[in-house]
Amino acid sequence: MAIIKKSELKSMKEQQLKERLNDLKKELIKINAQVAMGTVPENPGRVREVKKTVARINTLLNQQKETKEIKEKPIKNKIKEEKKKE
């Protein structure tokens, strides 16, 4: 599994990001199991790459969540103001 570039992550939709996040977490669990058993992972540098990519995906998901909330707030406030005027 190749690590995704930042620009590719930004172009992905939320569902795709979540699927990719699950895949990377599974891969990280496998690598950590190898380390716990005392064997050397096939590619030790991969651990760092996977962790960074997981962090990037989490950051993007949080940013998307925040932008949705910001977009929804003015709508909710307008509805409340309209009800007060009535």
Protein backbone atom coordinates (compact mmCIF):
# COMPACT_ATOMS: atom_id res chain seq x y z
CA MET A 1 0.00 0.00 0.00
CA ALA A 2 1.50 3.32 -1.06
CA ILE A 3 1.38 6.36 1.17
CA ILE A 4 -0.84 9.07 -0.31
CA LYS A 5 0.37 12.57 -1.13
CA LYS A 6 -1.15 15.56 0.63
CA SER A 7 -2.74 16.88 -2.57
CA GLU A 8 -4.39 13.53 -3.22
CA LEU A 9 -5.79 13.43 0.31
CA LYS A 10 -7.36 16.86 -0.10
CA SER A 11 -9.16 15.77 -3.25
CA MET A 12 -10.70 12.72 -1.55
CA LYS A 13 -14.20 12.72 -0.12
CA GLU A 14 -14.93 12.07 3.54
CA GLN A 15 -16.00 8.45 3.00
CA GLN A 16 -12.84 7.67 1.03
CA LEU A 17 -10.71 9.24 3.76
CA LYS A 18 -12.39 7.12 6.43
CA GLU A 19 -11.87 3.94 4.41
CA ARG A 20 -8.20 4.78 3.87
CA LEU A 21 -7.82 5.58 7.57
CA ASN A 22 -9.18 2.15 8.50
CA ASP A 23 -6.80 0.45 6.07
CA LEU A 24 -3.80 2.30 7.48
CA LYS A 25 -4.79 1.53 11.06
CA LYS A 26 -5.03 -2.17 10.22
CA GLU A 27 -1.61 -2.03 8.62
CA LEU A 28 -0.19 -0.27 11.67
CA ILE A 29 -1.64 -2.96 13.95
CA LYS A 30 0.09 -5.66 11.87
CA ILE A 31 3.41 -3.83 12.05
CA ASN A 32 3.08 -3.29 15.80
CA ALA A 33 2.30 -6.99 16.26
CA GLN A 34 5.50 -7.90 14.44
CA VAL A 35 7.48 -5.57 16.70
CA ALA A 36 5.81 -6.96 19.82
CA MET A 37 6.73 -10.50 18.80
CA GLY A 38 10.34 -9.46 18.49
CA THR A 39 10.65 -9.78 14.74
CA VAL A 40 11.94 -6.96 12.60
CA PRO A 41 9.23 -5.51 10.31
CA GLU A 42 9.78 -5.88 6.57
CA ASN A 43 10.12 -2.13 6.18
CA PRO A 44 10.84 -0.32 9.48
CA GLY A 45 10.55 3.13 7.87
CA ARG A 46 6.99 2.32 6.88
CA VAL A 47 5.83 2.70 10.51
CA ARG A 48 6.67 6.38 10.52
CA GLU A 49 5.05 6.94 7.12
CA VAL A 50 1.84 5.21 8.18
CA LYS A 51 1.62 7.19 11.42
CA LYS A 52 2.12 10.48 9.61
CA THR A 53 -0.50 9.62 7.02
CA VAL A 54 -2.98 8.65 9.74
CA ALA A 55 -2.37 12.02 11.40
CA ARG A 56 -2.85 13.86 8.10
CA ILE A 57 -6.14 12.09 7.44
CA ASN A 58 -7.39 12.84 10.96
CA THR A 59 -6.45 16.49 10.50
CA LEU A 60 -8.32 16.71 7.19
CA LEU A 61 -11.40 15.03 8.66
CA ASN A 62 -11.41 17.48 11.57
CA GLN A 63 -11.02 20.44 9.22
CA GLN A 64 -13.92 19.22 7.09
CA LYS A 65 -16.04 18.79 10.20
CA GLU A 66 -15.25 22.31 11.38
CA THR A 67 -16.06 23.86 8.01
CA LYS A 68 -19.42 22.07 7.98
CA GLU A 69 -20.21 23.43 11.44
CA ILE A 70 -19.21 26.95 10.44
CA LYS A 71 -21.42 26.80 7.35
CA GLU A 72 -24.39 25.52 9.36
CA LYS A 73 -24.16 28.07 12.19
CA PRO A 74 -25.32 31.12 10.21
CA ILE A 75 -28.31 29.17 8.94
CA LYS A 76 -29.30 28.14 12.45
CA ASN A 77 -28.84 31.69 13.74
CA LYS A 78 -31.02 33.11 10.93
CA ILE A 79 -33.78 30.66 11.76
CA LYS A 80 -33.65 31.64 15.43
CA GLU A 81 -33.77 35.35 14.55
CA GLU A 82 -36.76 34.84 12.26
CA LYS A 83 -38.64 33.02 15.01
CA LYS A 84 -37.91 35.86 17.46
CA LYS A 85 -39.28 38.44 15.01
CA GLU A 86 -42.55 36.55 14.70
